[in-house]
């Protein structure tokens, strides 16, 4: 496991803030009955901030037709929809919601070439709301493979204030490699061909790289 490289400055800022708060508690709170619990809470918060931005080591599964999960979390949507941003056709949407305790690093679901990338600024509605997919800050990425295109969105939530995506149009990517991170609470929407054999259902828990979402 490692810490995401794009989060170093954010983590440093949080740690500096907690250090200042801890110093103020030490000097301004005379009672040990209050001082010790407050310092423990500060240390727990500092640990959580570092731990939240972890990037675990994962073993990718499957072959060229296997689509793995972009994110850890819980499947909240599996349904046929019309995707109007890029694919402009009916497809199967599989959405994974990440809570505060899930890994928020994201990983490429398939190997191929980036055929589309777009960043969309927006609102910060609760990520599990249907309209969050269009109104919230999000990035949209399509990966072209020999077996079709896989399109997905990284969607910010109420507390997520920055999405990092490594995609650039034309670049080659490998399934299981990190594709970015969403900072604090969010959702992934994946859009798959109608003929895809979906392997998950609503309520299933997923692990990026290891959970097979579909076979195309």
N, C-alpha and C. Protein backbone atom coordinates (compact mmCIF):
# COMPACT_ATOMS: atom_id res chain seq x y z
N UNK A 1 0.85 -1.20 0.00
CA UNK A 1 0.00 0.00 0.00
C UNK A 1 0.88 1.25 0.00
N UNK A 2 0.40 2.29 -0.69
CA UNK A 2 1.10 3.57 -0.71
C UNK A 2 0.08 4.69 -0.59
N UNK A 3 0.55 5.92 -0.49
CA UNK A 3 -0.31 7.10 -0.44
C UNK A 3 -0.33 7.75 -1.81
N UNK A 4 -1.52 8.15 -2.27
CA UNK A 4 -1.64 8.75 -3.60
C UNK A 4 -0.76 9.98 -3.73
N UNK A 5 0.00 10.04 -4.82
CA UNK A 5 0.98 11.11 -5.01
C UNK A 5 0.35 12.48 -5.21
N UNK A 6 -0.90 12.51 -5.68
CA UNK A 6 -1.57 13.79 -5.89
C UNK A 6 -2.19 14.34 -4.62
N UNK A 7 -2.05 13.61 -3.51
CA UNK A 7 -2.67 14.03 -2.26
C UNK A 7 -1.66 14.50 -1.22
N UNK A 8 -0.38 14.53 -1.57
CA UNK A 8 0.64 14.91 -0.59
C UNK A 8 0.39 16.30 -0.01
N UNK A 9 0.12 17.28 -0.88
CA UNK A 9 -0.07 18.65 -0.39
C UNK A 9 -1.33 18.77 0.45
N UNK A 10 -2.40 18.06 0.04
CA UNK A 10 -3.63 18.08 0.80
C UNK A 10 -3.42 17.48 2.19
N UNK A 11 -2.73 16.34 2.24
CA UNK A 11 -2.46 15.68 3.52
C UNK A 11 -1.59 16.58 4.41
N UNK A 12 -0.57 17.20 3.80
CA UNK A 12 0.31 18.08 4.56
C UNK A 12 -0.48 19.22 5.19
N UNK A 13 -1.43 19.77 4.44
CA UNK A 13 -2.25 20.85 4.96
C UNK A 13 -3.10 20.41 6.15
N UNK A 14 -3.72 19.23 6.01
CA UNK A 14 -4.52 18.70 7.12
C UNK A 14 -3.65 18.42 8.34
N UNK A 15 -2.47 17.83 8.13
CA UNK A 15 -1.60 17.50 9.25
C UNK A 15 -1.09 18.76 9.95
N UNK A 16 -0.80 19.79 9.17
CA UNK A 16 -0.37 21.05 9.77
C UNK A 16 -1.49 21.64 10.62
N UNK A 17 -2.71 21.58 10.10
CA UNK A 17 -3.85 22.09 10.85
C UNK A 17 -4.09 21.32 12.14
N UNK A 18 -3.96 20.00 12.09
CA UNK A 18 -4.16 19.19 13.30
C UNK A 18 -3.04 19.44 14.30
N UNK A 19 -1.81 19.68 13.81
CA UNK A 19 -0.70 19.97 14.72
C UNK A 19 -0.94 21.29 15.45
N UNK A 20 -1.42 22.30 14.72
CA UNK A 20 -1.72 23.59 15.35
C UNK A 20 -2.83 23.42 16.38
N UNK A 21 -3.87 22.67 16.01
CA UNK A 21 -4.97 22.45 16.95
C UNK A 21 -4.51 21.71 18.19
N UNK A 22 -3.64 20.68 17.99
CA UNK A 22 -3.12 19.93 19.13
C UNK A 22 -2.31 20.82 20.06
N UNK A 23 -1.51 21.74 19.48
CA UNK A 23 -0.72 22.66 20.29
C UNK A 23 -1.62 23.58 21.10
N UNK A 24 -2.69 24.06 20.48
CA UNK A 24 -3.63 24.93 21.19
C UNK A 24 -4.32 24.19 22.33
N UNK A 25 -4.69 22.93 22.08
CA UNK A 25 -5.31 22.11 23.13
C UNK A 25 -4.34 21.94 24.30
N UNK A 26 -3.10 21.66 23.99
CA UNK A 26 -2.09 21.41 25.03
C UNK A 26 -1.89 22.64 25.91
N UNK A 27 -1.87 23.82 25.27
CA UNK A 27 -1.59 25.04 26.03
C UNK A 27 -2.82 25.67 26.66
N UNK A 28 -3.99 25.50 26.06
CA UNK A 28 -5.17 26.23 26.52
C UNK A 28 -6.16 25.39 27.34
N UNK A 29 -6.01 24.07 27.30
CA UNK A 29 -6.93 23.23 28.06
C UNK A 29 -6.19 22.71 29.30
N UNK A 30 -6.51 23.23 30.47
CA UNK A 30 -5.74 22.87 31.67
C UNK A 30 -6.06 21.48 32.22
N UNK A 31 -7.28 21.03 32.03
CA UNK A 31 -7.68 19.76 32.62
C UNK A 31 -7.25 18.57 31.76
N UNK A 32 -6.55 17.61 32.40
CA UNK A 32 -6.15 16.40 31.66
C UNK A 32 -7.36 15.59 31.22
N UNK A 33 -8.46 15.68 31.97
CA UNK A 33 -9.68 14.93 31.61
C UNK A 33 -10.23 15.37 30.27
N UNK A 34 -9.97 16.62 29.89
CA UNK A 34 -10.38 17.11 28.58
C UNK A 34 -9.23 17.10 27.57
N UNK A 35 -8.02 17.39 28.06
CA UNK A 35 -6.88 17.51 27.16
C UNK A 35 -6.56 16.18 26.46
N UNK A 36 -6.48 15.09 27.23
CA UNK A 36 -6.09 13.80 26.67
C UNK A 36 -7.09 13.31 25.62
N UNK A 37 -8.41 13.30 25.92
CA UNK A 37 -9.37 12.86 24.89
C UNK A 37 -9.30 13.69 23.61
N UNK A 38 -9.14 15.02 23.77
CA UNK A 38 -9.06 15.88 22.60
C UNK A 38 -7.83 15.57 21.75
N UNK A 39 -6.70 15.34 22.41
CA UNK A 39 -5.47 15.00 21.68
C UNK A 39 -5.60 13.65 20.98
N UNK A 40 -6.27 12.70 21.64
CA UNK A 40 -6.50 11.39 21.00
C UNK A 40 -7.35 11.56 19.75
N UNK A 41 -8.39 12.39 19.83
CA UNK A 41 -9.24 12.63 18.67
C UNK A 41 -8.45 13.28 17.54
N UNK A 42 -7.56 14.19 17.88
CA UNK A 42 -6.73 14.84 16.87
C UNK A 42 -5.84 13.81 16.17
N UNK A 43 -5.24 12.91 16.94
CA UNK A 43 -4.38 11.88 16.37
C UNK A 43 -5.17 10.91 15.48
N UNK A 44 -6.37 10.55 15.93
CA UNK A 44 -7.23 9.66 15.13
C UNK A 44 -7.59 10.33 13.81
N UNK A 45 -7.93 11.62 13.87
CA UNK A 45 -8.26 12.35 12.65
C UNK A 45 -7.07 12.39 11.70
N UNK A 46 -5.88 12.67 12.23
CA UNK A 46 -4.68 12.74 11.40
C UNK A 46 -4.41 11.39 10.73
N UNK A 47 -4.58 10.31 11.48
CA UNK A 47 -4.38 8.97 10.91
C UNK A 47 -5.40 8.70 9.82
N UNK A 48 -6.66 9.10 10.06
CA UNK A 48 -7.71 8.85 9.07
C UNK A 48 -7.45 9.59 7.77
N UNK A 49 -6.97 10.83 7.85
CA UNK A 49 -6.68 11.61 6.65
C UNK A 49 -5.63 10.92 5.80
N UNK A 50 -4.57 10.42 6.42
CA UNK A 50 -3.53 9.71 5.68
C UNK A 50 -4.07 8.39 5.13
N UNK A 51 -4.77 7.64 5.96
CA UNK A 51 -5.30 6.32 5.57
C UNK A 51 -6.32 6.44 4.45
N UNK A 52 -7.12 7.51 4.47
CA UNK A 52 -8.16 7.71 3.46
C UNK A 52 -7.57 7.78 2.05
N UNK A 53 -6.39 8.35 1.91
CA UNK A 53 -5.79 8.56 0.60
C UNK A 53 -4.84 7.42 0.20
N UNK A 54 -5.08 6.25 0.74
CA UNK A 54 -4.25 5.08 0.45
C UNK A 54 -4.53 4.53 -0.95
N UNK A 55 -3.51 3.93 -1.52
CA UNK A 55 -3.64 3.22 -2.79
C UNK A 55 -3.17 1.78 -2.55
N UNK A 56 -4.10 0.84 -2.43
CA UNK A 56 -3.71 -0.55 -2.10
C UNK A 56 -3.10 -1.27 -3.29
N UNK A 57 -2.34 -2.29 -2.99
CA UNK A 57 -1.81 -3.17 -4.03
C UNK A 57 -2.88 -4.19 -4.39
N UNK A 58 -3.26 -4.24 -5.64
CA UNK A 58 -4.31 -5.15 -6.09
C UNK A 58 -3.81 -6.02 -7.24
N UNK A 59 -4.30 -7.25 -7.26
CA UNK A 59 -4.01 -8.16 -8.37
C UNK A 59 -5.18 -8.11 -9.34
N UNK A 60 -4.91 -7.70 -10.60
CA UNK A 60 -6.00 -7.64 -11.56
C UNK A 60 -6.42 -9.05 -11.96
N UNK A 61 -7.68 -9.19 -12.35
CA UNK A 61 -8.20 -10.50 -12.73
C UNK A 61 -8.72 -10.47 -14.16
N UNK A 62 -8.88 -11.66 -14.73
CA UNK A 62 -9.53 -11.77 -16.03
C UNK A 62 -8.63 -11.49 -17.21
N UNK A 63 -9.27 -11.42 -18.39
CA UNK A 63 -8.57 -11.21 -19.64
C UNK A 63 -9.11 -10.03 -20.40
N UNK A 64 -8.91 -10.00 -21.74
CA UNK A 64 -9.26 -8.83 -22.53
C UNK A 64 -10.76 -8.53 -22.62
N UNK A 65 -11.61 -9.49 -22.32
CA UNK A 65 -13.06 -9.25 -22.38
C UNK A 65 -13.67 -8.97 -21.00
N UNK A 66 -12.84 -9.01 -19.97
CA UNK A 66 -13.33 -8.82 -18.61
C UNK A 66 -13.26 -7.34 -18.21
N UNK A 67 -14.36 -6.83 -17.66
CA UNK A 67 -14.42 -5.46 -17.15
C UNK A 67 -14.46 -5.53 -15.63
N UNK A 68 -13.45 -4.97 -14.99
CA UNK A 68 -13.39 -4.99 -13.52
C UNK A 68 -13.88 -3.66 -12.95
N UNK A 69 -14.13 -3.65 -11.67
CA UNK A 69 -14.65 -2.44 -11.04
C UNK A 69 -13.59 -1.34 -11.01
N UNK A 70 -14.04 -0.11 -11.27
CA UNK A 70 -13.16 1.06 -11.18
C UNK A 70 -12.87 1.39 -9.73
N UNK A 71 -13.81 1.03 -8.84
CA UNK A 71 -13.72 1.49 -7.45
C UNK A 71 -14.18 0.44 -6.46
N UNK A 72 -13.74 0.60 -5.22
CA UNK A 72 -14.32 -0.14 -4.10
C UNK A 72 -15.64 0.52 -3.73
N UNK A 73 -16.58 -0.27 -3.26
CA UNK A 73 -17.83 0.32 -2.81
C UNK A 73 -19.00 -0.64 -2.91
N UNK A 74 -20.18 -0.08 -3.05
CA UNK A 74 -21.42 -0.86 -3.10
C UNK A 74 -22.16 -0.55 -4.39
N UNK A 75 -22.62 -1.59 -5.07
CA UNK A 75 -23.39 -1.42 -6.30
C UNK A 75 -24.77 -0.86 -5.94
N UNK A 76 -25.10 0.31 -6.50
CA UNK A 76 -26.38 0.96 -6.19
C UNK A 76 -27.31 1.05 -7.39
N UNK A 77 -26.77 0.86 -8.59
CA UNK A 77 -27.59 0.90 -9.81
C UNK A 77 -27.11 -0.16 -10.79
N UNK A 78 -28.04 -0.95 -11.33
CA UNK A 78 -27.80 -1.80 -12.48
C UNK A 78 -29.06 -1.69 -13.33
N UNK A 79 -28.97 -0.94 -14.44
CA UNK A 79 -30.16 -0.74 -15.25
C UNK A 79 -29.80 -0.32 -16.66
N UNK A 80 -30.77 -0.49 -17.56
CA UNK A 80 -30.59 -0.05 -18.94
C UNK A 80 -30.92 1.44 -19.03
N UNK A 81 -30.03 2.21 -19.64
CA UNK A 81 -30.22 3.66 -19.75
C UNK A 81 -29.79 4.11 -21.15
N UNK A 82 -30.14 5.34 -21.46
CA UNK A 82 -29.63 5.97 -22.67
C UNK A 82 -28.51 6.92 -22.26
N UNK A 83 -27.29 6.65 -22.71
CA UNK A 83 -26.13 7.48 -22.36
C UNK A 83 -26.00 8.56 -23.42
N UNK A 84 -26.19 9.82 -23.02
CA UNK A 84 -26.30 10.90 -24.01
C UNK A 84 -25.06 11.77 -24.17
N UNK A 85 -24.07 11.60 -23.29
CA UNK A 85 -22.89 12.46 -23.42
C UNK A 85 -21.96 12.02 -24.53
N UNK A 86 -21.61 10.75 -24.56
CA UNK A 86 -20.60 10.28 -25.50
C UNK A 86 -21.07 9.10 -26.35
N UNK A 87 -21.56 8.04 -25.71
CA UNK A 87 -21.97 6.85 -26.46
C UNK A 87 -23.21 7.12 -27.31
N UNK A 88 -24.12 7.93 -26.77
CA UNK A 88 -25.37 8.29 -27.45
C UNK A 88 -26.13 7.05 -27.93
N UNK A 89 -26.30 6.14 -27.03
CA UNK A 89 -27.05 4.91 -27.31
C UNK A 89 -27.45 4.26 -26.00
N UNK A 90 -28.35 3.29 -26.09
CA UNK A 90 -28.73 2.55 -24.90
C UNK A 90 -27.60 1.63 -24.47
N UNK A 91 -27.43 1.50 -23.16
CA UNK A 91 -26.39 0.64 -22.61
C UNK A 91 -26.79 0.24 -21.20
N UNK A 92 -25.96 -0.55 -20.56
CA UNK A 92 -26.20 -0.95 -19.18
C UNK A 92 -25.35 -0.09 -18.26
N UNK A 93 -26.00 0.58 -17.32
CA UNK A 93 -25.30 1.39 -16.32
C UNK A 93 -25.12 0.58 -15.04
N UNK A 94 -23.88 0.54 -14.56
CA UNK A 94 -23.57 -0.05 -13.26
C UNK A 94 -22.90 1.03 -12.43
N UNK A 95 -23.51 1.38 -11.30
CA UNK A 95 -22.96 2.45 -10.45
C UNK A 95 -22.49 1.90 -9.12
N UNK A 96 -21.33 2.37 -8.69
CA UNK A 96 -20.73 1.96 -7.41
C UNK A 96 -20.57 3.19 -6.53
N UNK A 97 -21.16 3.12 -5.34
CA UNK A 97 -21.08 4.23 -4.39
C UNK A 97 -20.00 3.95 -3.36
N UNK A 98 -19.14 4.95 -3.12
CA UNK A 98 -18.06 4.84 -2.15
C UNK A 98 -18.40 5.65 -0.90
N UNK A 99 -18.32 5.01 0.27
CA UNK A 99 -18.51 5.77 1.51
C UNK A 99 -17.15 6.22 2.04
N UNK A 100 -17.14 6.88 3.19
CA UNK A 100 -15.91 7.44 3.75
C UNK A 100 -14.83 6.39 4.00
N UNK A 101 -15.23 5.15 4.23
CA UNK A 101 -14.27 4.14 4.65
C UNK A 101 -13.76 3.28 3.49
N UNK A 102 -14.30 3.47 2.30
CA UNK A 102 -13.83 2.74 1.14
C UNK A 102 -12.55 3.36 0.59
N UNK A 103 -11.78 2.55 -0.12
CA UNK A 103 -10.63 3.06 -0.87
C UNK A 103 -11.17 4.00 -1.95
N UNK A 104 -10.60 5.20 -2.07
CA UNK A 104 -11.08 6.16 -3.05
C UNK A 104 -10.15 6.30 -4.26
N UNK A 105 -9.07 5.54 -4.30
CA UNK A 105 -8.27 5.45 -5.51
C UNK A 105 -9.07 4.66 -6.54
N UNK A 106 -8.97 5.06 -7.80
CA UNK A 106 -9.70 4.41 -8.88
C UNK A 106 -8.73 3.74 -9.85
N UNK A 107 -9.21 2.71 -10.55
CA UNK A 107 -8.35 1.89 -11.40
C UNK A 107 -9.01 1.62 -12.75
N UNK A 108 -8.21 1.52 -13.80
CA UNK A 108 -8.74 1.26 -15.13
C UNK A 108 -9.48 -0.07 -15.16
N UNK A 109 -10.70 -0.09 -15.72
CA UNK A 109 -11.48 -1.33 -15.74
C UNK A 109 -11.10 -2.29 -16.86
N UNK A 110 -10.47 -1.76 -17.91
CA UNK A 110 -10.05 -2.57 -19.05
C UNK A 110 -8.75 -1.99 -19.61
N UNK A 111 -8.10 -2.77 -20.44
CA UNK A 111 -6.93 -2.28 -21.17
C UNK A 111 -7.38 -1.76 -22.53
N UNK A 112 -6.76 -0.69 -23.00
CA UNK A 112 -7.14 -0.14 -24.31
C UNK A 112 -6.60 1.26 -24.49
N UNK A 113 -7.24 2.02 -25.36
CA UNK A 113 -6.83 3.39 -25.67
C UNK A 113 -7.94 4.36 -25.26
N UNK A 114 -7.54 5.49 -24.65
CA UNK A 114 -8.51 6.51 -24.26
C UNK A 114 -9.05 7.19 -25.51
N UNK A 115 -10.34 7.02 -25.75
CA UNK A 115 -10.97 7.60 -26.94
C UNK A 115 -11.74 8.88 -26.61
N UNK A 116 -11.93 9.16 -25.31
CA UNK A 116 -12.67 10.37 -24.92
C UNK A 116 -12.35 10.69 -23.47
N UNK A 117 -12.15 12.00 -23.20
CA UNK A 117 -11.99 12.47 -21.83
C UNK A 117 -12.56 13.88 -21.73
N UNK A 118 -13.33 14.12 -20.68
CA UNK A 118 -13.88 15.45 -20.46
C UNK A 118 -14.09 15.68 -18.97
N UNK A 119 -13.63 16.83 -18.49
CA UNK A 119 -13.87 17.21 -17.09
C UNK A 119 -15.04 18.18 -17.05
N UNK A 120 -15.97 17.97 -16.10
CA UNK A 120 -17.15 18.80 -15.97
C UNK A 120 -17.20 19.41 -14.57
N UNK A 121 -17.02 20.72 -14.41
CA UNK A 121 -17.25 21.34 -13.10
C UNK A 121 -18.72 21.28 -12.77
N UNK A 122 -19.07 21.37 -11.48
CA UNK A 122 -20.48 21.29 -11.13
C UNK A 122 -20.75 21.43 -9.65
N UNK A 123 -21.91 20.91 -9.24
CA UNK A 123 -22.35 21.01 -7.86
C UNK A 123 -21.77 19.89 -7.01
N UNK A 124 -22.19 19.85 -5.74
CA UNK A 124 -21.73 18.81 -4.81
C UNK A 124 -22.93 18.22 -4.07
N UNK A 125 -23.89 17.70 -4.86
CA UNK A 125 -25.05 17.03 -4.28
C UNK A 125 -24.62 15.69 -3.70
N UNK A 126 -25.46 15.08 -2.88
CA UNK A 126 -25.17 13.74 -2.38
C UNK A 126 -24.95 12.80 -3.55
N UNK A 127 -23.86 12.04 -3.52
CA UNK A 127 -23.44 11.27 -4.69
C UNK A 127 -24.42 10.17 -5.08
N UNK A 128 -25.23 9.67 -4.12
CA UNK A 128 -26.14 8.58 -4.46
C UNK A 128 -27.42 9.07 -5.14
N UNK A 129 -27.64 10.39 -5.23
CA UNK A 129 -28.81 10.92 -5.90
C UNK A 129 -28.66 10.76 -7.42
N UNK A 130 -29.71 10.34 -8.12
CA UNK A 130 -29.62 10.13 -9.57
C UNK A 130 -29.11 11.35 -10.34
N UNK A 131 -29.58 12.57 -9.96
CA UNK A 131 -29.19 13.76 -10.71
C UNK A 131 -27.75 14.18 -10.46
N UNK A 132 -27.09 13.56 -9.48
CA UNK A 132 -25.69 13.89 -9.22
C UNK A 132 -24.81 13.56 -10.42
N UNK A 133 -25.19 12.55 -11.20
CA UNK A 133 -24.38 12.14 -12.35
C UNK A 133 -24.22 13.25 -13.37
N UNK A 134 -25.21 14.13 -13.49
CA UNK A 134 -25.14 15.20 -14.47
C UNK A 134 -24.81 16.55 -13.84
N UNK A 135 -25.27 16.79 -12.61
CA UNK A 135 -25.14 18.12 -12.02
C UNK A 135 -23.88 18.29 -11.17
N UNK A 136 -23.33 17.19 -10.64
CA UNK A 136 -22.13 17.30 -9.81
C UNK A 136 -20.87 17.41 -10.65
N UNK A 137 -19.81 17.89 -10.01
CA UNK A 137 -18.49 17.84 -10.64
C UNK A 137 -18.19 16.40 -11.01
N UNK A 138 -17.72 16.16 -12.24
CA UNK A 138 -17.37 14.79 -12.63
C UNK A 138 -16.42 14.79 -13.82
N UNK A 139 -15.75 13.68 -14.01
CA UNK A 139 -14.94 13.48 -15.20
C UNK A 139 -15.51 12.30 -15.97
N UNK A 140 -15.43 12.35 -17.28
CA UNK A 140 -15.97 11.29 -18.14
C UNK A 140 -14.85 10.72 -19.00
N UNK A 141 -14.76 9.39 -19.04
CA UNK A 141 -13.67 8.73 -19.75
C UNK A 141 -14.21 7.53 -20.54
N UNK A 142 -13.76 7.39 -21.78
CA UNK A 142 -14.09 6.21 -22.57
C UNK A 142 -12.79 5.50 -22.94
N UNK A 143 -12.79 4.18 -22.74
CA UNK A 143 -11.64 3.36 -23.10
C UNK A 143 -12.06 2.44 -24.24
N UNK A 144 -11.37 2.53 -25.37
CA UNK A 144 -11.69 1.71 -26.54
C UNK A 144 -10.85 0.44 -26.51
N UNK A 145 -11.52 -0.71 -26.66
CA UNK A 145 -10.84 -2.00 -26.70
C UNK A 145 -11.22 -2.73 -27.98
N UNK A 146 -10.60 -3.87 -28.21
CA UNK A 146 -10.93 -4.68 -29.39
C UNK A 146 -12.33 -5.27 -29.30
N UNK A 147 -12.93 -5.19 -28.11
CA UNK A 147 -14.24 -5.81 -27.89
C UNK A 147 -15.33 -4.77 -27.60
N UNK A 148 -15.02 -3.50 -27.80
CA UNK A 148 -16.00 -2.45 -27.58
C UNK A 148 -15.45 -1.37 -26.67
N UNK A 149 -16.27 -0.35 -26.42
CA UNK A 149 -15.87 0.76 -25.56
C UNK A 149 -16.50 0.63 -24.18
N UNK A 150 -15.72 1.01 -23.17
CA UNK A 150 -16.21 1.09 -21.80
C UNK A 150 -16.14 2.56 -21.38
N UNK A 151 -17.27 3.11 -21.02
CA UNK A 151 -17.37 4.52 -20.65
C UNK A 151 -17.69 4.61 -19.16
N UNK A 152 -16.98 5.48 -18.44
CA UNK A 152 -17.29 5.64 -17.02
C UNK A 152 -17.11 7.08 -16.57
N UNK A 153 -17.76 7.41 -15.45
CA UNK A 153 -17.69 8.74 -14.87
C UNK A 153 -17.23 8.66 -13.42
N UNK A 154 -16.31 9.52 -13.05
CA UNK A 154 -15.95 9.74 -11.65
C UNK A 154 -16.78 10.92 -11.17
N UNK A 155 -17.63 10.71 -10.17
CA UNK A 155 -18.58 11.73 -9.75
C UNK A 155 -18.28 12.17 -8.31
N UNK A 156 -18.13 13.47 -8.12
CA UNK A 156 -17.88 14.01 -6.78
C UNK A 156 -19.15 13.94 -5.95
N UNK A 157 -18.99 13.86 -4.62
CA UNK A 157 -20.12 13.86 -3.71
C UNK A 157 -20.18 15.16 -2.93
N UNK A 158 -20.96 15.17 -1.87
CA UNK A 158 -21.13 16.38 -1.06
C UNK A 158 -19.82 16.86 -0.46
N UNK A 159 -18.97 15.91 -0.04
CA UNK A 159 -17.72 16.28 0.62
C UNK A 159 -16.52 16.15 -0.31
N UNK A 160 -16.72 15.57 -1.47
CA UNK A 160 -15.60 15.44 -2.42
C UNK A 160 -15.42 16.77 -3.14
N UNK A 161 -14.25 17.33 -3.06
CA UNK A 161 -14.02 18.63 -3.65
C UNK A 161 -12.95 18.61 -4.73
N UNK A 162 -12.47 17.42 -5.06
CA UNK A 162 -11.51 17.37 -6.15
C UNK A 162 -11.47 15.98 -6.73
N UNK A 163 -11.54 15.91 -8.05
CA UNK A 163 -11.41 14.65 -8.76
C UNK A 163 -10.09 14.67 -9.51
N UNK A 164 -9.30 13.63 -9.38
CA UNK A 164 -8.06 13.48 -10.12
C UNK A 164 -8.24 12.36 -11.11
N UNK A 165 -7.98 12.64 -12.39
CA UNK A 165 -8.06 11.61 -13.43
C UNK A 165 -6.83 11.71 -14.31
N UNK A 166 -6.19 10.59 -14.58
CA UNK A 166 -4.95 10.59 -15.36
C UNK A 166 -5.19 10.47 -16.86
N UNK A 167 -6.45 10.42 -17.29
CA UNK A 167 -6.76 10.16 -18.70
C UNK A 167 -6.34 11.31 -19.61
N UNK A 168 -5.81 10.95 -20.77
CA UNK A 168 -5.57 11.87 -21.87
C UNK A 168 -5.93 11.13 -23.15
N UNK A 169 -6.65 11.81 -24.02
CA UNK A 169 -7.09 11.15 -25.24
C UNK A 169 -5.90 10.62 -26.03
N UNK A 170 -6.02 9.36 -26.47
CA UNK A 170 -4.97 8.72 -27.25
C UNK A 170 -4.00 7.89 -26.44
N UNK A 171 -3.97 8.03 -25.12
CA UNK A 171 -3.02 7.27 -24.31
C UNK A 171 -3.48 5.83 -24.15
N UNK A 172 -2.52 4.93 -24.06
CA UNK A 172 -2.79 3.51 -23.83
C UNK A 172 -2.82 3.27 -22.33
N UNK A 173 -3.81 2.50 -21.88
CA UNK A 173 -3.94 2.21 -20.46
C UNK A 173 -4.03 0.72 -20.25
N UNK A 174 -3.70 0.30 -19.04
CA UNK A 174 -3.70 -1.13 -18.71
C UNK A 174 -4.66 -1.41 -17.56
N UNK A 175 -5.48 -2.40 -17.74
CA UNK A 175 -6.43 -2.79 -16.70
C UNK A 175 -5.70 -3.03 -15.38
N UNK A 176 -6.26 -2.49 -14.29
CA UNK A 176 -5.68 -2.69 -12.96
C UNK A 176 -4.73 -1.61 -12.52
N UNK A 177 -4.27 -0.74 -13.45
CA UNK A 177 -3.40 0.38 -13.08
C UNK A 177 -4.27 1.52 -12.55
N UNK A 178 -3.71 2.34 -11.68
CA UNK A 178 -4.49 3.44 -11.10
C UNK A 178 -4.82 4.48 -12.16
N UNK A 179 -6.08 4.92 -12.19
CA UNK A 179 -6.50 5.93 -13.16
C UNK A 179 -6.80 7.27 -12.50
N UNK A 180 -6.79 7.33 -11.15
CA UNK A 180 -7.06 8.58 -10.48
C UNK A 180 -7.53 8.35 -9.06
N UNK A 181 -8.14 9.37 -8.48
CA UNK A 181 -8.67 9.29 -7.12
C UNK A 181 -9.74 10.36 -6.96
N UNK A 182 -10.75 10.07 -6.16
CA UNK A 182 -11.76 11.07 -5.81
C UNK A 182 -11.63 11.32 -4.31
N UNK A 183 -11.53 12.57 -3.93
CA UNK A 183 -11.23 12.89 -2.54
C UNK A 183 -12.51 13.13 -1.73
N UNK A 184 -12.81 12.21 -0.84
CA UNK A 184 -13.91 12.28 0.13
C UNK A 184 -15.30 12.06 -0.48
N UNK A 185 -15.79 10.81 -0.42
CA UNK A 185 -17.16 10.45 -0.74
C UNK A 185 -17.58 10.68 -2.17
N UNK A 186 -18.02 9.64 -2.89
CA UNK A 186 -18.23 9.81 -4.31
C UNK A 186 -18.87 8.58 -4.94
N UNK A 187 -18.95 8.60 -6.30
CA UNK A 187 -19.61 7.51 -7.02
C UNK A 187 -18.95 7.31 -8.37
N UNK A 188 -19.00 6.07 -8.85
CA UNK A 188 -18.54 5.73 -10.19
C UNK A 188 -19.73 5.20 -10.98
N UNK A 189 -19.97 5.76 -12.16
CA UNK A 189 -20.97 5.23 -13.09
C UNK A 189 -20.23 4.59 -14.26
N UNK A 190 -20.52 3.31 -14.54
CA UNK A 190 -19.93 2.61 -15.67
C UNK A 190 -21.04 2.32 -16.67
N UNK A 191 -20.72 2.50 -17.97
CA UNK A 191 -21.71 2.28 -19.03
C UNK A 191 -21.16 1.22 -19.98
N UNK A 192 -21.89 0.11 -20.08
CA UNK A 192 -21.42 -1.07 -20.80
C UNK A 192 -22.37 -1.42 -21.94
N UNK A 193 -21.88 -2.11 -22.98
CA UNK A 193 -22.74 -2.48 -24.11
C UNK A 193 -23.93 -3.32 -23.65
N UNK A 194 -25.04 -3.21 -24.38
CA UNK A 194 -26.24 -3.95 -24.02
C UNK A 194 -26.00 -5.46 -23.99
N UNK A 195 -25.08 -5.91 -24.82
CA UNK A 195 -24.81 -7.34 -24.88
C UNK A 195 -23.86 -7.84 -23.80
N UNK A 196 -23.40 -6.95 -22.93
CA UNK A 196 -22.46 -7.36 -21.88
C UNK A 196 -23.12 -8.31 -20.89
N UNK A 197 -22.35 -9.28 -20.44
CA UNK A 197 -22.82 -10.23 -19.42
C UNK A 197 -22.50 -9.63 -18.05
N UNK A 198 -23.50 -9.01 -17.41
CA UNK A 198 -23.29 -8.32 -16.14
C UNK A 198 -23.15 -9.36 -15.02
N UNK A 199 -22.13 -9.19 -14.19
CA UNK A 199 -21.81 -10.17 -13.15
C UNK A 199 -22.19 -9.70 -11.74
N UNK A 200 -22.70 -8.50 -11.60
CA UNK A 200 -23.03 -7.98 -10.27
C UNK A 200 -24.50 -7.57 -10.22
N UNK A 201 -24.99 -7.35 -9.02
CA UNK A 201 -26.36 -6.89 -8.81
C UNK A 201 -26.37 -5.82 -7.73
N UNK A 202 -27.47 -5.09 -7.64
CA UNK A 202 -27.59 -4.04 -6.63
C UNK A 202 -27.40 -4.63 -5.23
N UNK A 203 -26.57 -3.97 -4.44
CA UNK A 203 -26.27 -4.45 -3.09
C UNK A 203 -24.95 -5.16 -2.96
N UNK A 204 -24.36 -5.60 -4.09
CA UNK A 204 -23.06 -6.27 -4.04
C UNK A 204 -21.97 -5.29 -3.64
N UNK A 205 -20.97 -5.78 -2.92
CA UNK A 205 -19.79 -4.99 -2.59
C UNK A 205 -18.71 -5.28 -3.62
N UNK A 206 -17.99 -4.24 -4.02
CA UNK A 206 -16.96 -4.41 -5.05
C UNK A 206 -15.58 -4.01 -4.52
N UNK A 207 -14.57 -4.60 -5.15
CA UNK A 207 -13.18 -4.22 -4.92
C UNK A 207 -12.56 -3.92 -6.28
N UNK A 208 -12.01 -2.71 -6.42
CA UNK A 208 -11.40 -2.32 -7.67
C UNK A 208 -10.35 -3.34 -8.09
N UNK A 209 -10.29 -3.65 -9.37
CA UNK A 209 -9.34 -4.59 -9.98
C UNK A 209 -9.73 -6.06 -9.77
N UNK A 210 -10.42 -6.35 -8.68
CA UNK A 210 -10.67 -7.74 -8.32
C UNK A 210 -12.11 -8.20 -8.57
N UNK A 211 -13.06 -7.28 -8.52
CA UNK A 211 -14.46 -7.63 -8.76
C UNK A 211 -14.77 -7.50 -10.25
N UNK A 212 -15.26 -8.57 -10.84
CA UNK A 212 -15.63 -8.54 -12.26
C UNK A 212 -17.04 -7.94 -12.37
N UNK A 213 -17.14 -6.82 -13.08
CA UNK A 213 -18.43 -6.16 -13.29
C UNK A 213 -19.18 -6.80 -14.46
N UNK A 214 -18.44 -7.11 -15.52
CA UNK A 214 -19.10 -7.66 -16.70
C UNK A 214 -18.08 -8.32 -17.62
N UNK A 215 -18.61 -9.09 -18.57
CA UNK A 215 -17.78 -9.63 -19.66
C UNK A 215 -18.38 -9.10 -20.95
N UNK A 216 -17.53 -8.53 -21.81
CA UNK A 216 -18.03 -7.93 -23.06
C UNK A 216 -17.50 -8.70 -24.27
